[in-house]
Amino acid sequence: QVQLVESGGGLVQPGRSLRLSCVASGISFPVYTMAWYHQAPGKQRELVAAVTSGGTTTYRVPVKGRFTISRDNAKNTVYLQMNNLQPEDTAVYFCKATAPWGMDSWGKGTLVTVSS
C-alpha cells in the first residue's frame, strides 16, 4: 500500500524559510516522479515543483529561484526547500508520487501559513 507522509509545514513570517519533507513507503521510490502541489483556500490544486526519476526538475514560475525540490532515494524522501516565503505561498502542500505507468498517489498534505 502506497503511503506518502508530509511534514515540515507551519506558521512563518514573510521572508523566512521552511523545508517540507515527504516520506514514501510501499513504492519503488527511485523510479517514481515526485512532485509538490499546493492548494490555497478556495483555489484549485496547482503544481509547485516536480523531480523525475532521472533528477530533472520543473517549477511553477512564481517559485523559481525561491523553492528547490530534491530527492534522496536512499531515504525514500522528497524535499521542498522554500526560501523567501510570501503570503501568497500560504496553502496546504501535498506530495504526489507518479508511477512510470502513470498511476498517481497523494499524501494528506501539510499546511504552510505565511503571515506577519
Protein backbone atom coordinates (compact mmCIF):
# COMPACT_ATOMS: atom_id res chain seq x y z
CA GLN A 1 0.00 0.00 0.00
CA VAL A 2 1.37 3.37 -1.04
CA GLN A 3 1.78 5.86 1.75
CA LEU A 4 3.09 9.41 1.48
CA VAL A 5 3.57 11.40 4.67
CA GLU A 6 4.34 15.11 4.50
CA SER A 7 5.86 17.14 7.29
CA GLY A 8 7.55 20.47 7.89
CA GLY A 9 4.67 22.89 7.48
CA GLY A 10 3.86 25.63 9.93
CA LEU A 11 3.47 29.34 10.53
CA VAL A 12 6.31 31.51 9.30
CA GLN A 13 6.87 35.22 8.76
CA PRO A 14 7.33 36.65 5.25
CA GLY A 15 10.89 36.33 4.03
CA ARG A 16 11.65 33.26 6.13
CA SER A 17 12.22 29.66 5.04
CA LEU A 18 10.72 26.24 5.55
CA ARG A 19 11.69 22.79 4.35
CA LEU A 20 8.96 20.29 3.63
CA SER A 21 9.61 16.56 3.60
CA CYS A 22 7.61 13.70 2.14
CA VAL A 23 8.48 10.15 3.09
CA ALA A 24 7.18 7.44 0.77
CA SER A 25 6.55 3.81 1.53
CA GLY A 26 5.06 0.94 -0.43
CA ILE A 27 6.63 2.03 -3.73
CA SER A 28 9.85 1.58 -5.61
CA PHE A 29 10.75 5.18 -4.90
CA PRO A 30 13.69 5.68 -7.30
CA VAL A 31 11.58 5.07 -10.40
CA TYR A 32 8.77 7.43 -9.43
CA THR A 33 8.37 11.05 -10.42
CA MET A 34 7.78 13.03 -7.23
CA ALA A 35 6.02 16.36 -7.03
CA TRP A 36 4.77 19.01 -4.65
CA TYR A 37 1.42 20.69 -5.21
CA HIS A 38 -0.29 23.37 -3.22
CA GLN A 39 -3.89 24.34 -2.72
CA ALA A 40 -4.85 27.72 -1.31
CA PRO A 41 -8.29 28.28 0.24
CA GLY A 42 -10.93 28.43 -2.45
CA LYS A 43 -8.49 27.66 -5.25
CA GLN A 44 -7.55 24.64 -7.32
CA ARG A 45 -4.60 22.45 -6.52
CA GLU A 46 -1.54 23.55 -8.52
CA LEU A 47 1.81 22.03 -9.30
CA VAL A 48 4.64 23.73 -7.40
CA ALA A 49 7.61 21.60 -8.39
CA ALA A 50 8.45 18.13 -9.64
CA VAL A 51 11.51 15.92 -9.95
CA THR A 52 11.74 12.92 -12.23
CA SER A 53 13.48 9.66 -11.52
CA GLY A 54 16.39 10.98 -13.53
CA GLY A 55 16.62 14.17 -11.50
CA THR A 56 15.05 16.60 -13.95
CA THR A 57 13.22 19.36 -12.12
CA THR A 58 10.26 21.54 -13.03
CA TYR A 59 8.99 24.60 -11.17
CA ARG A 60 5.93 26.76 -11.21
CA VAL A 61 7.06 30.18 -12.42
CA PRO A 62 6.30 32.18 -9.23
CA VAL A 63 8.53 29.93 -7.13
CA LYS A 64 11.52 29.73 -9.48
CA GLY A 65 14.61 30.93 -7.70
CA ARG A 66 12.94 30.65 -4.27
CA PHE A 67 11.98 26.97 -3.99
CA THR A 68 14.14 23.91 -4.58
CA ILE A 69 12.88 20.36 -4.94
CA SER A 70 15.24 17.49 -4.25
CA ARG A 71 15.04 13.78 -3.59
CA ASP A 72 17.02 11.29 -1.52
CA ASN A 73 16.39 7.84 -2.97
CA ALA A 74 18.19 6.17 -0.08
CA LYS A 75 15.65 7.66 2.33
CA ASN A 76 12.59 7.42 0.05
CA THR A 77 12.14 11.13 0.66
CA VAL A 78 11.45 14.19 -1.43
CA TYR A 79 12.06 17.68 -0.09
CA LEU A 80 10.86 21.15 -0.90
CA GLN A 81 13.12 23.91 0.35
CA MET A 82 11.13 27.12 0.37
CA ASN A 83 13.02 30.39 0.81
CA ASN A 84 11.80 33.97 0.94
CA LEU A 85 8.27 32.83 1.64
CA GLN A 86 5.48 35.25 0.83
CA PRO A 87 1.85 35.45 2.00
CA GLU A 88 0.71 34.15 -1.39
CA ASP A 89 2.58 30.92 -0.67
CA THR A 90 0.07 30.17 2.07
CA ALA A 91 -1.57 26.86 1.20
CA VAL A 92 -1.79 23.20 2.01
CA TYR A 93 1.15 21.48 0.35
CA PHE A 94 0.66 17.97 -0.99
CA CYS A 95 3.17 15.36 -2.09
CA LYS A 96 2.40 13.28 -5.18
CA ALA A 97 4.09 10.15 -6.48
CA THR A 98 3.59 9.19 -10.12
CA ALA A 99 4.44 5.67 -11.19
CA PRO A 100 6.15 5.01 -14.54
CA TRP A 101 2.83 3.59 -15.79
CA GLY A 102 1.02 6.78 -14.77
CA MET A 103 -0.74 5.99 -11.51
CA ASP A 104 -0.77 8.85 -9.00
CA SER A 105 -0.70 8.62 -5.22
CA TRP A 106 -1.19 11.56 -2.88
CA GLY A 107 -0.29 12.45 0.64
CA LYS A 108 -2.69 14.16 3.03
CA GLY A 109 -0.90 17.49 2.98
CA THR A 110 0.83 19.86 5.34
CA LEU A 111 -0.28 23.44 5.98
CA VAL A 112 2.05 26.34 5.33
CA THR A 113 0.94 29.75 6.59
CA VAL A 114 2.99 32.83 5.79
CA SER A 115 1.95 35.78 7.89
CA SER A 116 3.42 38.53 9.99
